[in-house]
PDB file of all heavy atoms in Angstrom:
ATOM      1  N   ARG A   1      92.210   4.490 -57.637  1.00  0.00           N
ATOM      2  CA  ARG A   1      91.034   4.005 -56.892  1.00  0.00           C
ATOM      3  C   ARG A   1      89.920   3.577 -57.831  1.00  0.00           C
ATOM      4  O   ARG A   1      89.218   2.607 -57.592  1.00  0.00           O
ATOM      5  CB  ARG A   1      90.538   5.066 -55.921  1.00  0.00           C
ATOM      6  CG  ARG A   1      91.356   5.127 -54.661  1.00  0.00           C
ATOM      7  CD  ARG A   1      90.756   6.129 -53.722  1.00  0.00           C
ATOM      8  NE  ARG A   1      90.925   7.474 -54.278  1.00  0.00           N
ATOM      9  CZ  ARG A   1      91.479   8.480 -53.635  1.00  0.00           C
ATOM     10  NH1 ARG A   1      91.870   8.325 -52.395  1.00  0.00           N
ATOM     11  NH2 ARG A   1      91.612   9.643 -54.201  1.00  0.00           N
ATOM     12  N   THR A   2      89.754   4.316 -58.929  1.00  0.00           N
ATOM     13  CA  THR A   2      88.779   3.951 -59.952  1.00  0.00           C
ATOM     14  C   THR A   2      89.527   3.153 -61.012  1.00  0.00           C
ATOM     15  O   THR A   2      90.294   3.712 -61.798  1.00  0.00           O
ATOM     16  CB  THR A   2      88.148   5.208 -60.585  1.00  0.00           C
ATOM     17  OG1 THR A   2      87.620   6.026 -59.545  1.00  0.00           O
ATOM     18  CG2 THR A   2      87.068   4.851 -61.571  1.00  0.00           C
ATOM     19  N   HIS A   3      89.325   1.838 -61.006  1.00  0.00           N
ATOM     20  CA  HIS A   3      90.100   0.968 -61.899  1.00  0.00           C
ATOM     21  C   HIS A   3      89.891   1.319 -63.371  1.00  0.00           C
ATOM     22  O   HIS A   3      90.836   1.262 -64.162  1.00  0.00           O
ATOM     23  CB  HIS A   3      89.767  -0.505 -61.636  1.00  0.00           C
ATOM     24  CG  HIS A   3      90.642  -1.434 -62.414  1.00  0.00           C
ATOM     25  ND1 HIS A   3      91.994  -1.552 -62.171  1.00  0.00           N
ATOM     26  CD2 HIS A   3      90.365  -2.274 -63.438  1.00  0.00           C
ATOM     27  CE1 HIS A   3      92.516  -2.429 -63.009  1.00  0.00           C
ATOM     28  NE2 HIS A   3      91.546  -2.882 -63.777  1.00  0.00           N
ATOM     29  N   ASP A   4      88.673   1.704 -63.739  1.00  0.00           N
ATOM     30  CA  ASP A   4      88.418   2.070 -65.137  1.00  0.00           C
ATOM     31  C   ASP A   4      89.318   3.216 -65.588  1.00  0.00           C
ATOM     32  O   ASP A   4      89.770   3.242 -66.730  1.00  0.00           O
ATOM     33  CB  ASP A   4      86.953   2.450 -65.346  1.00  0.00           C
ATOM     34  CG  ASP A   4      86.017   1.256 -65.256  1.00  0.00           C
ATOM     35  OD1 ASP A   4      86.492   0.107 -65.352  1.00  0.00           O
ATOM     36  OD2 ASP A   4      84.806   1.478 -65.080  1.00  0.00           O
ATOM     37  N   ARG A   5      89.567   4.138 -64.697  1.00  0.00           N
ATOM     38  CA  ARG A   5      90.455   5.275 -65.023  1.00  0.00           C
ATOM     39  C   ARG A   5      91.898   4.789 -65.193  1.00  0.00           C
ATOM     40  O   ARG A   5      92.618   5.248 -66.074  1.00  0.00           O
ATOM     41  CB  ARG A   5      90.356   6.332 -63.913  1.00  0.00           C
ATOM     42  CG  ARG A   5      91.197   7.539 -64.144  1.00  0.00           C
ATOM     43  CD  ARG A   5      90.625   8.445 -65.240  1.00  0.00           C
ATOM     44  NE  ARG A   5      91.504   9.597 -65.355  1.00  0.00           N
ATOM     45  CZ  ARG A   5      92.216   9.880 -66.442  1.00  0.00           C
ATOM     46  NH1 ARG A   5      92.108   9.162 -67.523  1.00  0.00           N
ATOM     47  NH2 ARG A   5      93.025  10.914 -66.455  1.00  0.00           N
ATOM     48  N   ALA A   6      92.320   3.834 -64.382  1.00  0.00           N
ATOM     49  CA  ALA A   6      93.663   3.255 -64.531  1.00  0.00           C
ATOM     50  C   ALA A   6      93.777   2.529 -65.870  1.00  0.00           C
ATOM     51  O   ALA A   6      94.787   2.653 -66.567  1.00  0.00           O
ATOM     52  CB  ALA A   6      93.959   2.304 -63.378  1.00  0.00           C
ATOM     53  N   VAL A   7      92.728   1.801 -66.240  1.00  0.00           N
ATOM     54  CA  VAL A   7      92.714   1.085 -67.518  1.00  0.00           C
ATOM     55  C   VAL A   7      92.824   2.075 -68.673  1.00  0.00           C
ATOM     56  O   VAL A   7      93.579   1.865 -69.625  1.00  0.00           O
ATOM     57  CB  VAL A   7      91.424   0.230 -67.645  1.00  0.00           C
ATOM     58  CG1 VAL A   7      91.249  -0.299 -69.062  1.00  0.00           C
ATOM     59  CG2 VAL A   7      91.446  -0.914 -66.639  1.00  0.00           C
ATOM     60  N   GLU A   8      92.083   3.162 -68.564  1.00  0.00           N
ATOM     61  CA  GLU A   8      92.098   4.185 -69.620  1.00  0.00           C
ATOM     62  C   GLU A   8      93.488   4.791 -69.790  1.00  0.00           C
ATOM     63  O   GLU A   8      94.009   4.868 -70.903  1.00  0.00           O
ATOM     64  CB  GLU A   8      91.085   5.276 -69.273  1.00  0.00           C
ATOM     65  CG  GLU A   8      91.009   6.396 -70.276  1.00  0.00           C
ATOM     66  CD  GLU A   8      90.083   7.517 -69.813  1.00  0.00           C
ATOM     67  OE1 GLU A   8      89.081   7.226 -69.133  1.00  0.00           O
ATOM     68  OE2 GLU A   8      90.389   8.683 -70.122  1.00  0.00           O
ATOM     69  N   LEU A   9      94.098   5.223 -68.686  1.00  0.00           N
ATOM     70  CA  LEU A   9      95.417   5.847 -68.780  1.00  0.00           C
ATOM     71  C   LEU A   9      96.470   4.841 -69.228  1.00  0.00           C
ATOM     72  O   LEU A   9      97.279   5.136 -70.108  1.00  0.00           O
ATOM     73  CB  LEU A   9      95.821   6.476 -67.443  1.00  0.00           C
ATOM     74  CG  LEU A   9      97.159   7.214 -67.445  1.00  0.00           C
ATOM     75  CD1 LEU A   9      97.131   8.393 -68.416  1.00  0.00           C
ATOM     76  CD2 LEU A   9      97.514   7.700 -66.056  1.00  0.00           C
ATOM     77  N   ALA A  10      96.465   3.665 -68.660  1.00  0.00           N
ATOM     78  CA  ALA A  10      97.433   2.639 -69.057  1.00  0.00           C
ATOM     79  C   ALA A  10      97.293   2.314 -70.543  1.00  0.00           C
ATOM     80  O   ALA A  10      98.293   2.162 -71.248  1.00  0.00           O
ATOM     81  CB  ALA A  10      97.245   1.386 -68.207  1.00  0.00           C
ATOM     82  N   GLY A  11      96.070   2.234 -71.028  1.00  0.00           N
ATOM     83  CA  GLY A  11      95.837   1.932 -72.432  1.00  0.00           C
ATOM     84  C   GLY A  11      96.412   2.971 -73.374  1.00  0.00           C
ATOM     85  O   GLY A  11      96.916   2.645 -74.447  1.00  0.00           O
ATOM     86  N   ARG A  12      96.347   4.223 -72.973  1.00  0.00           N
ATOM     87  CA  ARG A  12      96.903   5.298 -73.817  1.00  0.00           C
ATOM     88  C   ARG A  12      98.402   5.172 -73.996  1.00  0.00           C
ATOM     89  O   ARG A  12      98.961   5.661 -74.975  1.00  0.00           O
ATOM     90  CB  ARG A  12      96.590   6.658 -73.212  1.00  0.00           C
ATOM     91  CG  ARG A  12      95.262   7.171 -73.654  1.00  0.00           C
ATOM     92  CD  ARG A  12      95.113   8.620 -73.321  1.00  0.00           C
ATOM     93  NE  ARG A  12      94.181   8.679 -72.211  1.00  0.00           N
ATOM     94  CZ  ARG A  12      94.186   9.587 -71.268  1.00  0.00           C
ATOM     95  NH1 ARG A  12      95.091  10.533 -71.263  1.00  0.00           N
ATOM     96  NH2 ARG A  12      93.303   9.551 -70.309  1.00  0.00           N
ATOM     97  N   PHE A  13      99.072   4.524 -73.033  1.00  0.00           N
ATOM     98  CA  PHE A  13     100.527   4.425 -73.074  1.00  0.00           C
ATOM     99  C   PHE A  13     101.006   2.979 -73.178  1.00  0.00           C
ATOM    100  O   PHE A  13     102.146   2.680 -72.868  1.00  0.00           O
ATOM    101  CB  PHE A  13     101.119   5.103 -71.833  1.00  0.00           C
ATOM    102  CG  PHE A  13     100.843   6.580 -71.816  1.00  0.00           C
ATOM    103  CD1 PHE A  13      99.813   7.090 -71.034  1.00  0.00           C
ATOM    104  CD2 PHE A  13     101.578   7.440 -72.591  1.00  0.00           C
ATOM    105  CE1 PHE A  13      99.537   8.448 -71.022  1.00  0.00           C
ATOM    106  CE2 PHE A  13     101.308   8.806 -72.592  1.00  0.00           C
ATOM    107  CZ  PHE A  13     100.288   9.308 -71.805  1.00  0.00           C
ATOM    108  N   HIS A  14     100.117   2.101 -73.616  1.00  0.00           N
ATOM    109  CA  HIS A  14     100.446   0.676 -73.763  1.00  0.00           C
ATOM    110  C   HIS A  14     101.012   0.110 -72.467  1.00  0.00           C
ATOM    111  O   HIS A  14     101.925  -0.709 -72.476  1.00  0.00           O
ATOM    112  CB  HIS A  14     101.418   0.457 -74.935  1.00  0.00           C
ATOM    113  CG  HIS A  14     100.928   1.059 -76.206  1.00  0.00           C
ATOM    114  ND1 HIS A  14      99.875   0.534 -76.912  1.00  0.00           N
ATOM    115  CD2 HIS A  14     101.307   2.167 -76.878  1.00  0.00           C
ATOM    116  CE1 HIS A  14      99.645   1.294 -77.977  1.00  0.00           C
ATOM    117  NE2 HIS A  14     100.498   2.290 -77.975  1.00  0.00           N
ATOM    118  N   GLY A  15     100.444   0.576 -71.367  1.00  0.00           N
ATOM    119  CA  GLY A  15     100.875   0.117 -70.049  1.00  0.00           C
ATOM    120  C   GLY A  15      99.926  -0.926 -69.489  1.00  0.00           C
ATOM    121  O   GLY A  15      99.080  -1.470 -70.210  1.00  0.00           O
ATOM    122  N   GLU A  16     100.066  -1.170 -68.206  1.00  0.00           N
ATOM    123  CA  GLU A  16      99.252  -2.171 -67.526  1.00  0.00           C
ATOM    124  C   GLU A  16      98.531  -1.536 -66.340  1.00  0.00           C
ATOM    125  O   GLU A  16      99.164  -0.900 -65.493  1.00  0.00           O
ATOM    126  CB  GLU A  16     100.143  -3.302 -67.027  1.00  0.00           C
ATOM    127  CG  GLU A  16      99.397  -4.414 -66.337  1.00  0.00           C
ATOM    128  CD  GLU A  16     100.311  -5.513 -65.851  1.00  0.00           C
ATOM    129  OE1 GLU A  16     101.473  -5.608 -66.298  1.00  0.00           O
ATOM    130  OE2 GLU A  16      99.853  -6.291 -64.986  1.00  0.00           O
ATOM    131  N   ALA A  17      97.224  -1.702 -66.306  1.00  0.00           N
ATOM    132  CA  ALA A  17      96.441  -1.213 -65.172  1.00  0.00           C
ATOM    133  C   ALA A  17      96.527  -2.236 -64.043  1.00  0.00           C
ATOM    134  O   ALA A  17      96.453  -3.444 -64.275  1.00  0.00           O
ATOM    135  CB  ALA A  17      94.992  -1.005 -65.575  1.00  0.00           C
ATOM    136  N   ILE A  18      96.705  -1.742 -62.839  1.00  0.00           N
ATOM    137  CA  ILE A  18      96.799  -2.572 -61.645  1.00  0.00           C
ATOM    138  C   ILE A  18      95.615  -2.227 -60.740  1.00  0.00           C
ATOM    139  O   ILE A  18      95.330  -1.045 -60.521  1.00  0.00           O
ATOM    140  CB  ILE A  18      98.121  -2.308 -60.883  1.00  0.00           C
ATOM    141  CG1 ILE A  18      99.331  -2.532 -61.797  1.00  0.00           C
ATOM    142  CG2 ILE A  18      98.190  -3.129 -59.613  1.00  0.00           C
ATOM    143  CD1 ILE A  18      99.552  -3.951 -62.240  1.00  0.00           C
ATOM    144  N   ARG A  19      94.952  -3.233 -60.226  1.00  0.00           N
ATOM    145  CA  ARG A  19      93.858  -2.984 -59.286  1.00  0.00           C
ATOM    146  C   ARG A  19      94.429  -2.334 -58.028  1.00  0.00           C
ATOM    147  O   ARG A  19      95.485  -2.714 -57.543  1.00  0.00           O
ATOM    148  CB  ARG A  19      93.125  -4.270 -58.942  1.00  0.00           C
ATOM    149  CG  ARG A  19      92.427  -4.831 -60.149  1.00  0.00           C
ATOM    150  CD  ARG A  19      91.208  -5.632 -59.756  1.00  0.00           C
ATOM    151  NE  ARG A  19      90.460  -5.969 -60.942  1.00  0.00           N
ATOM    152  CZ  ARG A  19      89.545  -5.193 -61.513  1.00  0.00           C
ATOM    153  NH1 ARG A  19      89.262  -4.030 -60.998  1.00  0.00           N
ATOM    154  NH2 ARG A  19      88.909  -5.568 -62.596  1.00  0.00           N
ATOM    155  N   PHE A  20      93.695  -1.360 -57.514  1.00  0.00           N
ATOM    156  CA  PHE A  20      94.177  -0.586 -56.377  1.00  0.00           C
ATOM    157  C   PHE A  20      94.475  -1.460 -55.165  1.00  0.00           C
ATOM    158  O   PHE A  20      95.425  -1.222 -54.432  1.00  0.00           O
ATOM    159  CB  PHE A  20      93.163   0.502 -56.026  1.00  0.00           C
ATOM    160  CG  PHE A  20      93.762   1.654 -55.302  1.00  0.00           C
ATOM    161  CD1 PHE A  20      94.593   2.545 -55.945  1.00  0.00           C
ATOM    162  CD2 PHE A  20      93.509   1.854 -53.961  1.00  0.00           C
ATOM    163  CE1 PHE A  20      95.153   3.620 -55.287  1.00  0.00           C
ATOM    164  CE2 PHE A  20      94.060   2.923 -53.279  1.00  0.00           C
ATOM    165  CZ  PHE A  20      94.883   3.798 -53.948  1.00  0.00           C
ATOM    166  N   ASP A  21      93.677  -2.506 -54.969  1.00  0.00           N
ATOM    167  CA  ASP A  21      93.919  -3.375 -53.816  1.00  0.00           C
ATOM    168  C   ASP A  21      95.148  -4.273 -54.003  1.00  0.00           C
ATOM    169  O   ASP A  21      95.545  -4.985 -53.085  1.00  0.00           O
ATOM    170  CB  ASP A  21      92.687  -4.200 -53.460  1.00  0.00           C
ATOM    171  CG  ASP A  21      92.209  -5.109 -54.577  1.00  0.00           C
ATOM    172  OD1 ASP A  21      92.729  -5.015 -55.713  1.00  0.00           O
ATOM    173  OD2 ASP A  21      91.301  -5.912 -54.316  1.00  0.00           O
ATOM    174  N   GLU A  22      95.766  -4.228 -55.181  1.00  0.00           N
ATOM    175  CA  GLU A  22      96.995  -4.973 -55.448  1.00  0.00           C
ATOM    176  C   GLU A  22      98.224  -4.061 -55.455  1.00  0.00           C
ATOM    177  O   GLU A  22      99.318  -4.494 -55.809  1.00  0.00           O
ATOM    178  CB  GLU A  22      96.877  -5.700 -56.787  1.00  0.00           C
ATOM    179  CG  GLU A  22      95.765  -6.732 -56.813  1.00  0.00           C
ATOM    180  CD  GLU A  22      95.547  -7.326 -58.199  1.00  0.00           C
ATOM    181  OE1 GLU A  22      96.240  -6.921 -59.157  1.00  0.00           O
ATOM    182  OE2 GLU A  22      94.676  -8.190 -58.313  1.00  0.00           O
ATOM    183  N   LEU A  23      98.027  -2.825 -55.069  1.00  0.00           N
ATOM    184  CA  LEU A  23      99.096  -1.826 -55.112  1.00  0.00           C
ATOM    185  C   LEU A  23     100.367  -2.296 -54.418  1.00  0.00           C
ATOM    186  O   LEU A  23     101.443  -2.302 -55.014  1.00  0.00           O
ATOM    187  CB  LEU A  23      98.590  -0.527 -54.472  1.00  0.00           C
ATOM    188  CG  LEU A  23      99.577   0.622 -54.350  1.00  0.00           C
ATOM    189  CD1 LEU A  23      99.937   1.144 -55.728  1.00  0.00           C
ATOM    190  CD2 LEU A  23      98.968   1.741 -53.519  1.00  0.00           C
ATOM    191  N   TYR A  24     100.255  -2.735 -53.185  1.00  0.00           N
ATOM    192  CA  TYR A  24     101.442  -3.102 -52.419  1.00  0.00           C
ATOM    193  C   TYR A  24     102.048  -4.423 -52.886  1.00  0.00           C
ATOM    194  O   TYR A  24     103.240  -4.640 -52.741  1.00  0.00           O
ATOM    195  CB  TYR A  24     101.126  -3.158 -50.924  1.00  0.00           C
ATOM    196  CG  TYR A  24     100.694  -1.810 -50.390  1.00  0.00           C
ATOM    197  CD1 TYR A  24      99.419  -1.624 -49.887  1.00  0.00           C
ATOM    198  CD2 TYR A  24     101.560  -0.721 -50.423  1.00  0.00           C
ATOM    199  CE1 TYR A  24      99.015  -0.380 -49.417  1.00  0.00           C
ATOM    200  CE2 TYR A  24     101.158   0.526 -49.962  1.00  0.00           C
ATOM    201  CZ  TYR A  24      99.883   0.689 -49.459  1.00  0.00           C
ATOM    202  OH  TYR A  24      99.489   1.917 -48.998  1.00  0.00           O
ATOM    203  N   ASP A  25     101.231  -5.281 -53.462  1.00  0.00           N
ATOM    204  CA  ASP A  25     101.734  -6.572 -53.944  1.00  0.00           C
ATOM    205  C   ASP A  25     102.459  -6.463 -55.277  1.00  0.00           C
ATOM    206  O   ASP A  25     103.192  -7.375 -55.656  1.00  0.00           O
ATOM    207  CB  ASP A  25     100.584  -7.572 -54.094  1.00  0.00           C
ATOM    208  CG  ASP A  25      99.926  -7.898 -52.769  1.00  0.00           C
ATOM    209  OD1 ASP A  25     100.621  -7.852 -51.730  1.00  0.00           O
ATOM    210  OD2 ASP A  25      98.714  -8.173 -52.775  1.00  0.00           O
ATOM    211  N   THR A  26     102.253  -5.378 -56.001  1.00  0.00           N
ATOM    212  CA  THR A  26     102.817  -5.259 -57.346  1.00  0.00           C
ATOM    213  C   THR A  26     103.825  -4.127 -57.514  1.00  0.00           C
ATOM    214  O   THR A  26     104.510  -4.076 -58.526  1.00  0.00           O
ATOM    215  CB  THR A  26     101.695  -5.070 -58.385  1.00  0.00           C
ATOM    216  OG1 THR A  26     100.927  -3.915 -58.033  1.00  0.00           O
ATOM    217  CG2 THR A  26     100.790  -6.289 -58.457  1.00  0.00           C
ATOM    218  N   ALA A  27     103.932  -3.242 -56.557  1.00  0.00           N
ATOM    219  CA  ALA A  27     104.823  -2.079 -56.708  1.00  0.00           C
ATOM    220  C   ALA A  27     106.283  -2.478 -56.892  1.00  0.00           C
ATOM    221  O   ALA A  27     107.054  -1.736 -57.511  1.00  0.00           O
ATOM    222  CB  ALA A  27     104.679  -1.142 -55.509  1.00  0.00           C
ATOM    223  N   ASP A  28     106.655  -3.653 -56.411  1.00  0.00           N
ATOM    224  CA  ASP A  28     108.055  -4.067 -56.555  1.00  0.00           C
ATOM    225  C   ASP A  28     108.420  -4.436 -57.990  1.00  0.00           C
ATOM    226  O   ASP A  28     109.577  -4.693 -58.291  1.00  0.00           O
ATOM    227  CB  ASP A  28     108.376  -5.223 -55.608  1.00  0.00           C
ATOM    228  CG  ASP A  28     107.592  -6.486 -55.910  1.00  0.00           C
ATOM    229  OD1 ASP A  28     106.636  -6.444 -56.698  1.00  0.00           O
ATOM    230  OD2 ASP A  28     107.943  -7.530 -55.333  1.00  0.00           O
ATOM    231  N   ARG A  29     107.460  -4.398 -58.892  1.00  0.00           N
ATOM    232  CA  ARG A  29     107.738  -4.648 -60.310  1.00  0.00           C
ATOM    233  C   ARG A  29     108.356  -3.415 -60.981  1.00  0.00           C
ATOM    234  O   ARG A  29     108.798  -3.499 -62.120  1.00  0.00           O
ATOM    235  CB  ARG A  29     106.448  -5.033 -61.030  1.00  0.00           C
ATOM    236  CG  ARG A  29     105.870  -6.354 -60.524  1.00  0.00           C
ATOM    237  CD  ARG A  29     104.497  -6.648 -61.053  1.00  0.00           C
ATOM    238  NE  ARG A  29     104.444  -6.688 -62.505  1.00  0.00           N
ATOM    239  CZ  ARG A  29     103.309  -6.748 -63.185  1.00  0.00           C
ATOM    240  NH1 ARG A  29     102.142  -6.773 -62.567  1.00  0.00           N
ATOM    241  NH2 ARG A  29     103.326  -6.789 -64.506  1.00  0.00           N
ATOM    242  N   ALA A  30     108.367  -2.309 -60.281  1.00  0.00           N
ATOM    243  CA  ALA A  30     108.831  -1.054 -60.875  1.00  0.00           C
ATOM    244  C   ALA A  30     110.145  -0.587 -60.275  1.00  0.00           C
ATOM    245  O   ALA A  30     110.461  -0.862 -59.126  1.00  0.00           O
ATOM    246  CB  ALA A  30     107.772   0.024 -60.670  1.00  0.00           C
ATOM    247  N   ASP A  31     110.878   0.151 -61.096  1.00  0.00           N
ATOM    248  CA  ASP A  31     112.104   0.804 -60.649  1.00  0.00           C
ATOM    249  C   ASP A  31     111.794   2.172 -60.055  1.00  0.00           C
ATOM    250  O   ASP A  31     112.513   2.666 -59.193  1.00  0.00           O
ATOM    251  CB  ASP A  31     113.063   0.997 -61.835  1.00  0.00           C
ATOM    252  CG  ASP A  31     113.411  -0.310 -62.509  1.00  0.00           C
ATOM    253  OD1 ASP A  31     114.046  -1.157 -61.855  1.00  0.00           O
ATOM    254  OD2 ASP A  31     113.025  -0.494 -63.681  1.00  0.00           O
ATOM    255  N   ILE A  32     110.728   2.785 -60.551  1.00  0.00           N
ATOM    256  CA  ILE A  32     110.340   4.140 -60.164  1.00  0.00           C
ATOM    257  C   ILE A  32     108.861   4.121 -59.791  1.00  0.00           C
ATOM    258  O   ILE A  32     108.051   3.587 -60.538  1.00  0.00           O
ATOM    259  CB  ILE A  32     110.553   5.125 -61.342  1.00  0.00           C
ATOM    260  CG1 ILE A  32     112.022   5.139 -61.776  1.00  0.00           C
ATOM    261  CG2 ILE A  32     110.067   6.525 -60.975  1.00  0.00           C
ATOM    262  CD1 ILE A  32     112.246   5.790 -63.129  1.00  0.00           C
ATOM    263  N   VAL A  33     108.519   4.701 -58.650  1.00  0.00           N
ATOM    264  CA  VAL A  33     107.122   4.832 -58.243  1.00  0.00           C
ATOM    265  C   VAL A  33     106.818   6.308 -58.073  1.00  0.00           C
ATOM    266  O   VAL A  33     107.529   7.015 -57.363  1.00  0.00           O
ATOM    267  CB  VAL A  33     106.831   4.082 -56.922  1.00  0.00           C
ATOM    268  CG1 VAL A  33     105.386   4.309 -56.482  1.00  0.00           C
ATOM    269  CG2 VAL A  33     107.127   2.593 -57.064  1.00  0.00           C
ATOM    270  N   ILE A  34     105.763   6.751 -58.752  1.00  0.00           N
ATOM    271  CA  ILE A  34     105.339   8.147 -58.648  1.00  0.00           C
ATOM    272  C   ILE A  34     103.888   8.160 -58.188  1.00  0.00           C
ATOM    273  O   ILE A  34     103.028   7.542 -58.815  1.00  0.00           O
ATOM    274  CB  ILE A  34     105.470   8.878 -59.998  1.00  0.00           C
ATOM    275  CG1 ILE A  34     106.940   8.934 -60.416  1.00  0.00           C
ATOM    276  CG2 ILE A  34     104.868  10.277 -59.903  1.00  0.00           C
ATOM    277  CD1 ILE A  34     107.166   9.516 -61.794  1.00  0.00           C
ATOM    278  N   SER A  35     103.638   8.866 -57.110  1.00  0.00           N
ATOM    279  CA  SER A  35     102.284   8.980 -56.587  1.00  0.00           C
ATOM    280  C   SER A  35     101.792  10.402 -56.791  1.00  0.00           C
ATOM    281  O   SER A  35     102.444  11.357 -56.363  1.00  0.00           O
ATOM    282  CB  SER A  35     102.272   8.622 -55.097  1.00  0.00           C
ATOM    283  OG  SER A  35     100.991   8.792 -54.570  1.00  0.00           O
ATOM    284  N   SER A  36     100.661  10.515 -57.454  1.00  0.00           N
ATOM    285  CA  SER A  36     100.068  11.820 -57.699  1.00  0.00           C
ATOM    286  C   SER A  36      98.567  11.696 -57.454  1.00  0.00           C
ATOM    287  O   SER A  36      97.794  11.408 -58.369  1.00  0.00           O
ATOM    288  CB  SER A  36     100.351  12.259 -59.138  1.00  0.00           C
ATOM    289  OG  SER A  36      99.723  13.492 -59.404  1.00  0.00           O
ATOM    290  N   THR A  37      98.186  11.890 -56.202  1.00  0.00           N
ATOM    291  CA  THR A  37      96.784  11.741 -55.814  1.00  0.00           C
ATOM    292  C   THR A  37      96.404  12.882 -54.876  1.00  0.00           C
ATOM    293  O   THR A  37      97.255  13.675 -54.473  1.00  0.00           O
ATOM    294  CB  THR A  37      96.546  10.407 -55.072  1.00  0.00           C
ATOM    295  OG1 THR A  37      97.193  10.459 -53.812  1.00  0.00           O
ATOM    296  CG2 THR A  37      97.053   9.220 -55.885  1.00  0.00           C
ATOM    297  N   GLU A  38      95.150  12.915 -54.505  1.00  0.00           N
ATOM    298  CA  GLU A  38      94.685  13.918 -53.546  1.00  0.00           C
ATOM    299  C   GLU A  38      94.788  13.420 -52.110  1.00  0.00           C
ATOM    300  O   GLU A  38      94.407  14.125 -51.179  1.00  0.00           O
ATOM    301  CB  GLU A  38      93.241  14.306 -53.866  1.00  0.00           C
ATOM    302  CG  GLU A  38      93.117  15.043 -55.175  1.00  0.00           C
ATOM    303  CD  GLU A  38      91.693  15.460 -55.472  1.00  0.00           C
ATOM    304  OE1 GLU A  38      90.853  15.477 -54.553  1.00  0.00           O
ATOM    305  OE2 GLU A  38      91.417  15.791 -56.636  1.00  0.00           O
ATOM    306  N   ARG A  39      95.288  12.231 -51.914  1.00  0.00           N
ATOM    307  CA  ARG A  39      95.416  11.659 -50.574  1.00  0.00           C
ATOM    308  C   ARG A  39      96.368  12.520 -49.731  1.00  0.00           C
ATOM    309  O   ARG A  39      97.467  12.855 -50.175  1.00  0.00           O
ATOM    310  CB  ARG A  39      95.950  10.233 -50.685  1.00  0.00           C
ATOM    311  CG  ARG A  39      96.054   9.541 -49.352  1.00  0.00           C
ATOM    312  CD  ARG A  39      96.527   8.124 -49.546  1.00  0.00           C
ATOM    313  NE  ARG A  39      96.881   7.526 -48.273  1.00  0.00           N
ATOM    314  CZ  ARG A  39      96.866   6.236 -48.055  1.00  0.00           C
ATOM    315  NH1 ARG A  39      96.542   5.406 -49.020  1.00  0.00           N
ATOM    316  NH2 ARG A  39      97.204   5.772 -46.881  1.00  0.00           N
ATOM    317  N   PRO A  40      95.974  12.864 -48.515  1.00  0.00           N
ATOM    318  CA  PRO A  40      96.802  13.750 -47.693  1.00  0.00           C
ATOM    319  C   PRO A  40      98.005  13.050 -47.048  1.00  0.00           C
ATOM    320  O   PRO A  40      98.902  13.719 -46.545  1.00  0.00           O
ATOM    321  CB  PRO A  40      95.835  14.242 -46.613  1.00  0.00           C
ATOM    322  CG  PRO A  40      94.811  13.167 -46.514  1.00  0.00           C
ATOM    323  CD  PRO A  40      94.680  12.585 -47.895  1.00  0.00           C
ATOM    324  N   THR A  41      98.041  11.722 -47.057  1.00  0.00           N
ATOM    325  CA  THR A  41      99.171  10.998 -46.464  1.00  0.00           C
ATOM    326  C   THR A  41      99.813  10.111 -47.534  1.00  0.00           C
ATOM    327  O   THR A  41      99.170   9.718 -48.499  1.00  0.00           O
ATOM    328  CB  THR A  41      98.702  10.112 -45.284  1.00  0.00           C
ATOM    329  OG1 THR A  41      97.706   9.193 -45.772  1.00  0.00           O
ATOM    330  CG2 THR A  41      98.118  10.954 -44.167  1.00  0.00           C
ATOM    331  N   PRO A  42     101.081   9.766 -47.358  1.00  0.00           N
ATOM    332  CA  PRO A  42     101.766   8.925 -48.350  1.00  0.00           C
ATOM    333  C   PRO A  42     101.171   7.516 -48.434  1.00  0.00           C
ATOM    334  O   PRO A  42     100.671   6.985 -47.444  1.00  0.00           O
ATOM    335  CB  PRO A  42     103.197   8.861 -47.837  1.00  0.00           C
ATOM    336  CG  PRO A  42     103.326   9.957 -46.851  1.00  0.00           C
ATOM    337  CD  PRO A  42     101.966  10.202 -46.286  1.00  0.00           C
TER     338      PRO A  42
END
């Protein structure tokens, strides 16, 4: 949700930060999706 935090974590692992509003449009780029948030619903 906080894009700066995504940029920070992705940068540590030479990954790519994705804007939260692009989540559903870009998830098909992955073989594995892991969600670890405080959101009560999937």
